[in-house]
Amino acid sequence: MEIFKNIEIQKNKITSAFLIKEALEKKAPFAESGQNALQIEPSISNSYGVITKENEITRYSVTLDVEYRLYNKKTKKVVYKNKASATSDYSAAVTFTGFATEIARKDTYERLADTVAEKMITDILINNLSEYTP
């Protein structure tokens, strides 16, 4: 996976981008400073799924969509761009505390970031971007 040794992941202050960056770094040897940069632009959408008759449990569906582009830092030329998406669910019961619901939501976001990171790495490898590395 030599290709990743010349790609740095751009910093982004959005929480979901940070989670994706962490997941990417766990899966591949990205550079601290490289000739190419990976820019990540995530967006999250939430929707209510199932609400029981008694309003005891609400199921939330969360979708993470990510547009990403790989570009040469010197020339600013985009050498590759694509999108990745993942969906996951979590439930919140009336008997859950706010803390338990927040942990379930956070775990869902981390799962989504991990799934999207895996898709991004696979996509970059499949599209043979090794020509952009020295």
Protein backbone atom coordinates (compact mmCIF):
# COMPACT_ATOMS: atom_id res chain seq x y z
CA MET A 1 0.00 0.00 0.00
CA GLU A 2 2.80 2.34 -0.99
CA ILE A 3 0.34 4.73 -2.57
CA PHE A 4 -0.87 6.00 0.80
CA LYS A 5 2.65 6.97 1.93
CA ASN A 6 2.47 9.98 -0.38
CA ILE A 7 -1.05 11.09 0.56
CA GLU A 8 -1.87 13.27 3.53
CA ILE A 9 -5.40 13.68 4.81
CA GLN A 10 -6.50 17.29 5.05
CA LYS A 11 -7.71 18.48 8.41
CA ASN A 12 -11.39 19.28 8.75
CA LYS A 13 -13.14 20.57 11.88
CA ILE A 14 -16.36 18.63 11.26
CA THR A 15 -16.70 15.76 13.73
CA SER A 16 -17.64 13.20 11.10
CA ALA A 17 -14.58 14.18 9.01
CA PHE A 18 -12.38 13.68 12.07
CA LEU A 19 -13.88 10.20 12.61
CA ILE A 20 -13.30 9.32 8.95
CA LYS A 21 -9.69 10.57 9.16
CA GLU A 22 -9.09 8.40 12.25
CA ALA A 23 -10.58 5.36 10.52
CA LEU A 24 -8.49 5.96 7.37
CA GLU A 25 -5.30 6.25 9.41
CA LYS A 26 -6.02 2.95 11.17
CA LYS A 27 -6.44 1.17 7.84
CA ALA A 28 -3.59 2.56 5.72
CA PRO A 29 -0.21 4.25 6.19
CA PHE A 30 -1.13 7.82 5.21
CA ALA A 31 1.63 10.44 5.32
CA GLU A 32 1.90 13.34 7.75
CA SER A 33 3.00 15.45 4.81
CA GLY A 34 2.72 14.23 1.25
CA GLN A 35 2.79 15.38 -2.35
CA ASN A 36 -0.92 14.65 -2.64
CA ALA A 37 -3.76 15.58 -0.31
CA LEU A 38 -7.06 13.85 0.34
CA GLN A 39 -9.90 16.28 0.92
CA ILE A 40 -12.98 14.88 2.68
CA GLU A 41 -16.40 16.56 2.67
CA PRO A 42 -18.93 14.58 4.72
CA SER A 43 -22.62 15.17 5.25
CA ILE A 44 -24.94 13.32 7.60
CA SER A 45 -28.67 12.86 7.32
CA ASN A 46 -30.88 11.43 10.04
CA SER A 47 -34.36 10.04 9.78
CA TYR A 48 -36.80 8.42 12.16
CA GLY A 49 -37.49 4.84 11.33
CA VAL A 50 -39.83 2.86 13.52
CA ILE A 51 -41.69 4.26 16.48
CA THR A 52 -43.56 1.65 18.50
CA LYS A 53 -47.26 2.08 19.21
CA GLU A 54 -46.57 2.95 22.80
CA ASN A 55 -43.81 5.41 21.80
CA GLU A 56 -41.34 3.36 23.84
CA ILE A 57 -38.65 2.87 21.20
CA THR A 58 -37.57 5.10 18.37
CA ARG A 59 -35.28 3.78 15.67
CA TYR A 60 -33.02 6.28 13.94
CA SER A 61 -31.46 5.74 10.55
CA VAL A 62 -28.27 7.68 9.87
CA THR A 63 -26.66 8.07 6.45
CA LEU A 64 -23.13 9.36 5.96
CA ASP A 65 -22.34 10.64 2.48
CA VAL A 66 -18.78 11.63 1.68
CA GLU A 67 -17.41 13.41 -1.33
CA TYR A 68 -13.66 13.08 -1.52
CA ARG A 69 -10.98 14.25 -3.86
CA LEU A 70 -7.32 13.54 -4.18
CA TYR A 71 -5.26 16.39 -5.55
CA ASN A 72 -1.65 17.34 -6.13
CA LYS A 73 -0.71 19.97 -3.53
CA LYS A 74 1.70 21.82 -5.83
CA THR A 75 -0.44 22.07 -8.94
CA LYS A 76 -3.82 21.94 -7.15
CA LYS A 77 -4.90 19.56 -9.92
CA VAL A 78 -7.55 17.04 -8.87
CA VAL A 79 -6.24 13.62 -9.81
CA TYR A 80 -9.20 11.62 -8.55
CA LYS A 81 -12.61 12.24 -7.02
CA ASN A 82 -15.51 10.08 -5.97
CA LYS A 83 -18.26 9.58 -3.39
CA ALA A 84 -18.86 6.99 -0.71
CA SER A 85 -21.91 6.37 1.42
CA ALA A 86 -22.99 4.20 4.33
CA THR A 87 -26.14 3.82 6.41
CA SER A 88 -26.59 2.50 9.94
CA ASP A 89 -29.31 2.50 12.58
CA TYR A 90 -29.61 2.83 16.32
CA SER A 91 -32.51 2.70 18.75
CA ALA A 92 -33.46 4.86 21.68
CA ALA A 93 -35.94 3.67 24.27
CA VAL A 94 -37.93 5.80 26.68
CA THR A 95 -36.18 3.91 29.46
CA PHE A 96 -32.72 4.88 28.11
CA THR A 97 -30.97 7.78 29.69
CA GLY A 98 -29.83 10.62 27.47
CA PHE A 99 -26.31 9.31 28.00
CA ALA A 100 -27.15 5.83 26.68
CA THR A 101 -28.83 7.31 23.62
CA GLU A 102 -25.82 9.55 22.96
CA ILE A 103 -23.44 6.56 23.22
CA ALA A 104 -25.59 4.61 20.74
CA ARG A 105 -25.52 7.57 18.35
CA LYS A 106 -21.76 8.00 18.73
CA ASP A 107 -21.15 4.28 18.08
CA THR A 108 -23.26 4.55 14.94
CA TYR A 109 -21.22 7.50 13.67
CA GLU A 110 -17.99 5.59 14.32
CA ARG A 111 -19.31 2.52 12.45
CA LEU A 112 -20.28 4.73 9.52
CA ALA A 113 -16.86 6.40 9.44
CA ASP A 114 -15.17 3.00 9.48
CA THR A 115 -17.33 1.68 6.65
CA VAL A 116 -16.82 4.77 4.50
CA ALA A 117 -13.05 4.74 5.15
CA GLU A 118 -12.87 1.13 3.99
CA LYS A 119 -14.78 1.99 0.80
CA MET A 120 -12.52 4.98 0.11
CA ILE A 121 -9.30 2.99 0.54
CA THR A 122 -10.58 0.17 -1.62
CA ASP A 123 -11.69 2.62 -4.30
CA ILE A 124 -8.33 4.40 -4.36
CA LEU A 125 -6.48 1.08 -4.61
CA ILE A 126 -8.76 -0.31 -7.32
CA ASN A 127 -8.39 2.78 -9.45
CA ASN A 128 -4.63 2.27 -9.45
CA LEU A 129 -3.53 5.69 -8.37
CA SER A 130 0.05 4.50 -7.99
CA GLU A 131 0.96 6.60 -11.03
CA TYR A 132 0.53 9.65 -8.79
CA THR A 133 3.10 8.47 -6.27
CA PRO A 134 6.84 8.86 -6.77
